[in-house]
Amino acid sequence: MKSHQLVSSISPELKQDIILYVQTETKEAFRTALFQIGAQRKLRPQYFQNKSRAEQGAWLTKQLELKTFDSVAEQILQLWLLKAKVPMLTAFLDAADIKHDGQGQVDDLPDELTTEQISKGVDAMLVDNKGEEVALYLHLFQSQRPDGWPTITEALESRPELKLGAA
């Protein structure tokens, strides 16, 4: 699933949480995304200066659902995960026995992941996180390889708590 499709599929609450986090905690990244998309839409920066923060966030969210801005959507989702959800990422990686830098970054992706590794990783994430957040991470993790990992696909399809759009 592409990043713009993920943004379209997640619940309004999670979209708002992600945009609010990026808007408040990584202000420069938010402004860059806003102005980058705005420039492609032939909008001047003044267009956004006349909008409230809520209106800016709502506008950006709608744009991130478009295929044209898939790369920006991917950057926003990755930024949120790598900054706001470090404990969730490291819980998965530790439980699945995947080496990482302690902040959720993986340099050497495994060729195979067993059902047991994925099950342990998912269970570890679900202790402190919503199923939809876990599902979003797994979808993005899958996108790191052309065909992903069959065991992650299986977990996403078989575990009812791992559904997008379910807040």
C-alpha atoms as a PDB file:
ATOM      1  CA  MET A   1       0.000   0.000   0.000  1.00  0.00           C
ATOM      2  CA  LYS A   2       1.404   3.400  -0.985  1.00  0.00           C
ATOM      3  CA  SER A   3       1.731   6.170   1.601  1.00  0.00           C
ATOM      4  CA  HIS A   4      -1.054   8.308   0.140  1.00  0.00           C
ATOM      5  CA  GLN A   5      -3.342   5.257   0.325  1.00  0.00           C
ATOM      6  CA  LEU A   6      -2.364   4.749   3.949  1.00  0.00           C
ATOM      7  CA  VAL A   7      -3.240   8.364   4.761  1.00  0.00           C
ATOM      8  CA  SER A   8      -6.603   7.864   3.023  1.00  0.00           C
ATOM      9  CA  SER A   9      -7.233   4.655   4.968  1.00  0.00           C
ATOM     10  CA  ILE A  10      -6.441   5.724   8.522  1.00  0.00           C
ATOM     11  CA  SER A  11      -9.054   7.133  10.877  1.00  0.00           C
ATOM     12  CA  PRO A  12      -9.659  10.894  11.075  1.00  0.00           C
ATOM     13  CA  GLU A  13      -8.401  10.789  14.676  1.00  0.00           C
ATOM     14  CA  LEU A  14      -5.058   9.278  13.700  1.00  0.00           C
ATOM     15  CA  LYS A  15      -4.678  11.693  10.772  1.00  0.00           C
ATOM     16  CA  GLN A  16      -5.237  14.569  13.177  1.00  0.00           C
ATOM     17  CA  ASP A  17      -2.775  13.135  15.720  1.00  0.00           C
ATOM     18  CA  ILE A  18      -0.068  12.772  13.069  1.00  0.00           C
ATOM     19  CA  ILE A  19      -0.563  16.221  11.557  1.00  0.00           C
ATOM     20  CA  LEU A  20      -0.793  17.882  14.983  1.00  0.00           C
ATOM     21  CA  TYR A  21       2.428  16.191  16.085  1.00  0.00           C
ATOM     22  CA  VAL A  22       4.301  17.227  12.945  1.00  0.00           C
ATOM     23  CA  GLN A  23       2.821  20.733  13.138  1.00  0.00           C
ATOM     24  CA  THR A  24       3.869  21.288  16.758  1.00  0.00           C
ATOM     25  CA  GLU A  25       6.965  19.128  17.291  1.00  0.00           C
ATOM     26  CA  THR A  26       8.650  19.365  13.881  1.00  0.00           C
ATOM     27  CA  LYS A  27       7.489  22.778  12.731  1.00  0.00           C
ATOM     28  CA  GLU A  28      10.084  23.170   9.984  1.00  0.00           C
ATOM     29  CA  ALA A  29       9.124  19.845   8.399  1.00  0.00           C
ATOM     30  CA  PHE A  30       5.460  20.850   8.515  1.00  0.00           C
ATOM     31  CA  ARG A  31       6.165  24.207   6.863  1.00  0.00           C
ATOM     32  CA  THR A  32       8.359  22.554   4.234  1.00  0.00           C
ATOM     33  CA  ALA A  33       5.632  20.044   3.341  1.00  0.00           C
ATOM     34  CA  LEU A  34       2.994  22.771   3.279  1.00  0.00           C
ATOM     35  CA  PHE A  35       5.016  25.093   1.048  1.00  0.00           C
ATOM     36  CA  GLN A  36       6.321  22.280  -1.168  1.00  0.00           C
ATOM     37  CA  ILE A  37       2.815  21.082  -1.961  1.00  0.00           C
ATOM     38  CA  GLY A  38       1.548  24.657  -2.128  1.00  0.00           C
ATOM     39  CA  ALA A  39       4.194  25.552  -4.712  1.00  0.00           C
ATOM     40  CA  GLN A  40       3.179  22.573  -6.857  1.00  0.00           C
ATOM     41  CA  ARG A  41      -0.402  23.783  -6.563  1.00  0.00           C
ATOM     42  CA  LYS A  42       0.791  27.280  -7.593  1.00  0.00           C
ATOM     43  CA  LEU A  43      -0.155  28.772  -4.220  1.00  0.00           C
ATOM     44  CA  ARG A  44       1.877  31.542  -2.654  1.00  0.00           C
ATOM     45  CA  PRO A  45       3.057  31.308   0.971  1.00  0.00           C
ATOM     46  CA  GLN A  46       0.615  34.116   1.864  1.00  0.00           C
ATOM     47  CA  TYR A  47      -2.235  31.689   1.146  1.00  0.00           C
ATOM     48  CA  PHE A  48      -1.221  29.686   4.214  1.00  0.00           C
ATOM     49  CA  GLN A  49      -0.436  32.683   6.395  1.00  0.00           C
ATOM     50  CA  ASN A  50      -4.106  33.666   6.221  1.00  0.00           C
ATOM     51  CA  LYS A  51      -5.222  30.250   7.473  1.00  0.00           C
ATOM     52  CA  SER A  52      -5.400  29.047  11.054  1.00  0.00           C
ATOM     53  CA  ARG A  53      -3.187  26.158  12.182  1.00  0.00           C
ATOM     54  CA  ALA A  54      -6.225  23.867  12.072  1.00  0.00           C
ATOM     55  CA  GLU A  55      -7.026  24.944   8.507  1.00  0.00           C
ATOM     56  CA  GLN A  56      -3.412  24.449   7.453  1.00  0.00           C
ATOM     57  CA  GLY A  57      -3.408  20.960   8.956  1.00  0.00           C
ATOM     58  CA  ALA A  58      -6.706  20.018   7.317  1.00  0.00           C
ATOM     59  CA  TRP A  59      -5.495  21.300   3.929  1.00  0.00           C
ATOM     60  CA  LEU A  60      -2.222  19.369   4.177  1.00  0.00           C
ATOM     61  CA  THR A  61      -4.009  16.184   5.232  1.00  0.00           C
ATOM     62  CA  LYS A  62      -6.247  16.310   2.145  1.00  0.00           C
ATOM     63  CA  GLN A  63      -3.216  16.813  -0.110  1.00  0.00           C
ATOM     64  CA  LEU A  64      -1.375  13.866   1.455  1.00  0.00           C
ATOM     65  CA  GLU A  65      -4.205  11.595   0.304  1.00  0.00           C
ATOM     66  CA  LEU A  66      -3.405  12.366  -3.348  1.00  0.00           C
ATOM     67  CA  LYS A  67      -1.140  10.105  -5.401  1.00  0.00           C
ATOM     68  CA  THR A  68       0.767  13.164  -6.640  1.00  0.00           C
ATOM     69  CA  PHE A  69       2.088  13.806  -3.133  1.00  0.00           C
ATOM     70  CA  ASP A  70       2.882  10.209  -2.146  1.00  0.00           C
ATOM     71  CA  SER A  71       6.528  10.994  -1.391  1.00  0.00           C
ATOM     72  CA  VAL A  72       5.527  13.847   0.943  1.00  0.00           C
ATOM     73  CA  ALA A  73       2.979  11.573   2.651  1.00  0.00           C
ATOM     74  CA  GLU A  74       5.689   8.964   3.143  1.00  0.00           C
ATOM     75  CA  GLN A  75       8.035  11.539   4.681  1.00  0.00           C
ATOM     76  CA  ILE A  76       5.350  12.800   7.075  1.00  0.00           C
ATOM     77  CA  LEU A  77       4.395   9.273   8.186  1.00  0.00           C
ATOM     78  CA  GLN A  78       8.032   8.252   8.649  1.00  0.00           C
ATOM     79  CA  LEU A  79       8.799  11.429  10.560  1.00  0.00           C
ATOM     80  CA  TRP A  80       5.879  10.813  12.922  1.00  0.00           C
ATOM     81  CA  LEU A  81       6.888   7.196  13.483  1.00  0.00           C
ATOM     82  CA  LEU A  82      10.601   7.912  13.959  1.00  0.00           C
ATOM     83  CA  LYS A  83      10.025  10.858  16.305  1.00  0.00           C
ATOM     84  CA  ALA A  84       6.734  10.256  18.129  1.00  0.00           C
ATOM     85  CA  LYS A  85       6.593   6.462  18.212  1.00  0.00           C
ATOM     86  CA  VAL A  86      10.160   5.384  19.009  1.00  0.00           C
ATOM     87  CA  PRO A  87       9.078   3.125  21.922  1.00  0.00           C
ATOM     88  CA  MET A  88       6.599   1.333  19.626  1.00  0.00           C
ATOM     89  CA  LEU A  89       9.207   0.805  16.909  1.00  0.00           C
ATOM     90  CA  THR A  90      11.883  -0.425  19.283  1.00  0.00           C
ATOM     91  CA  ALA A  91       9.394  -2.748  21.024  1.00  0.00           C
ATOM     92  CA  PHE A  92       8.682  -4.424  17.676  1.00  0.00           C
ATOM     93  CA  LEU A  93      12.311  -4.610  16.600  1.00  0.00           C
ATOM     94  CA  ASP A  94      13.499  -5.947  19.967  1.00  0.00           C
ATOM     95  CA  ALA A  95      10.734  -8.553  20.213  1.00  0.00           C
ATOM     96  CA  ALA A  96      11.294  -9.626  16.587  1.00  0.00           C
ATOM     97  CA  ASP A  97      15.066  -9.759  17.213  1.00  0.00           C
ATOM     98  CA  ILE A  98      15.896  -7.241  14.467  1.00  0.00           C
ATOM     99  CA  LYS A  99      19.058  -5.203  15.030  1.00  0.00           C
ATOM    100  CA  HIS A 100      18.531  -1.426  15.171  1.00  0.00           C
ATOM    101  CA  ASP A 101      20.161   1.767  16.424  1.00  0.00           C
ATOM    102  CA  GLY A 102      18.030   2.071  19.566  1.00  0.00           C
ATOM    103  CA  GLN A 103      15.814   4.699  17.936  1.00  0.00           C
ATOM    104  CA  GLY A 104      13.943   2.444  15.503  1.00  0.00           C
ATOM    105  CA  GLN A 105      16.309   2.802  12.528  1.00  0.00           C
ATOM    106  CA  VAL A 106      17.283  -0.459  10.812  1.00  0.00           C
ATOM    107  CA  ASP A 107      20.314  -0.542   8.529  1.00  0.00           C
ATOM    108  CA  ASP A 108      20.252  -4.198   7.524  1.00  0.00           C
ATOM    109  CA  LEU A 109      16.772  -5.583   6.902  1.00  0.00           C
ATOM    110  CA  PRO A 110      16.366  -9.332   7.367  1.00  0.00           C
ATOM    111  CA  ASP A 111      15.631 -11.441   4.293  1.00  0.00           C
ATOM    112  CA  GLU A 112      13.087 -13.489   6.220  1.00  0.00           C
ATOM    113  CA  LEU A 113      10.867 -12.917   9.223  1.00  0.00           C
ATOM    114  CA  THR A 114       9.173 -15.877  10.871  1.00  0.00           C
ATOM    115  CA  THR A 115       5.563 -15.942  11.989  1.00  0.00           C
ATOM    116  CA  GLU A 116       6.842 -16.185  15.563  1.00  0.00           C
ATOM    117  CA  GLN A 117       9.018 -13.051  15.172  1.00  0.00           C
ATOM    118  CA  ILE A 118       6.117 -11.054  13.755  1.00  0.00           C
ATOM    119  CA  SER A 119       3.690 -12.327  16.375  1.00  0.00           C
ATOM    120  CA  LYS A 120       6.061 -11.381  19.203  1.00  0.00           C
ATOM    121  CA  GLY A 121       6.735  -7.996  17.621  1.00  0.00           C
ATOM    122  CA  VAL A 122       3.058  -7.197  17.106  1.00  0.00           C
ATOM    123  CA  ASP A 123       2.171  -8.317  20.634  1.00  0.00           C
ATOM    124  CA  ALA A 124       4.933  -6.095  22.055  1.00  0.00           C
ATOM    125  CA  MET A 125       3.636  -3.062  20.150  1.00  0.00           C
ATOM    126  CA  LEU A 126       0.022  -3.658  21.144  1.00  0.00           C
ATOM    127  CA  VAL A 127       0.868  -3.445  24.851  1.00  0.00           C
ATOM    128  CA  ASP A 128       1.075   0.359  24.746  1.00  0.00           C
ATOM    129  CA  ASN A 129      -0.252   1.327  21.300  1.00  0.00           C
ATOM    130  CA  LYS A 130      -3.482   1.298  19.345  1.00  0.00           C
ATOM    131  CA  GLY A 131      -3.958  -1.431  16.773  1.00  0.00           C
ATOM    132  CA  GLU A 132      -4.329   1.122  13.999  1.00  0.00           C
ATOM    133  CA  GLU A 133      -0.945   2.681  14.824  1.00  0.00           C
ATOM    134  CA  VAL A 134       0.636  -0.776  14.804  1.00  0.00           C
ATOM    135  CA  ALA A 135      -0.992  -1.567  11.451  1.00  0.00           C
ATOM    136  CA  LEU A 136       0.270   1.715   9.987  1.00  0.00           C
ATOM    137  CA  TYR A 137       3.826   0.922  11.090  1.00  0.00           C
ATOM    138  CA  LEU A 138       3.652  -2.597   9.672  1.00  0.00           C
ATOM    139  CA  HIS A 139       2.417  -1.283   6.321  1.00  0.00           C
ATOM    140  CA  LEU A 140       5.294   1.208   6.189  1.00  0.00           C
ATOM    141  CA  PHE A 141       7.780  -1.450   7.299  1.00  0.00           C
ATOM    142  CA  GLN A 142       6.515  -3.636   4.442  1.00  0.00           C
ATOM    143  CA  SER A 143       7.247  -0.867   1.939  1.00  0.00           C
ATOM    144  CA  GLN A 144      10.978  -1.154   2.641  1.00  0.00           C
ATOM    145  CA  ARG A 145      11.151  -4.209   0.382  1.00  0.00           C
ATOM    146  CA  PRO A 146       9.572  -4.570  -3.077  1.00  0.00           C
ATOM    147  CA  ASP A 147       7.297  -7.424  -1.998  1.00  0.00           C
ATOM    148  CA  GLY A 148       7.486  -6.971   1.755  1.00  0.00           C
ATOM    149  CA  TRP A 149       7.475 -10.042   3.981  1.00  0.00           C
ATOM    150  CA  PRO A 150       4.731 -12.684   3.650  1.00  0.00           C
ATOM    151  CA  THR A 151       4.534 -13.092   7.432  1.00  0.00           C
ATOM    152  CA  ILE A 152       3.724  -9.399   7.916  1.00  0.00           C
ATOM    153  CA  THR A 153       1.079  -9.591   5.188  1.00  0.00           C
ATOM    154  CA  GLU A 154      -0.384 -12.618   6.957  1.00  0.00           C
ATOM    155  CA  ALA A 155      -0.485 -10.798  10.311  1.00  0.00           C
ATOM    156  CA  LEU A 156      -2.151  -7.732   8.771  1.00  0.00           C
ATOM    157  CA  GLU A 157      -4.801  -9.906   7.124  1.00  0.00           C
ATOM    158  CA  SER A 158      -5.476 -12.306   9.988  1.00  0.00           C
ATOM    159  CA  ARG A 159      -5.376 -10.162  13.128  1.00  0.00           C
ATOM    160  CA  PRO A 160      -8.578  -8.144  13.549  1.00  0.00           C
ATOM    161  CA  GLU A 161      -6.917  -5.537  15.794  1.00  0.00           C
ATOM    162  CA  LEU A 162      -4.570  -4.555  12.948  1.00  0.00           C
ATOM    163  CA  LYS A 163      -7.036  -2.670  10.795  1.00  0.00           C
ATOM    164  CA  LEU A 164      -6.632   0.804   9.371  1.00  0.00           C
ATOM    165  CA  GLY A 165      -9.499   3.178   9.973  1.00  0.00           C
ATOM    166  CA  ALA A 166     -10.335   1.594  13.325  1.00  0.00           C
ATOM    167  CA  ALA A 167      -9.473   4.146  15.986  1.00  0.00           C
END
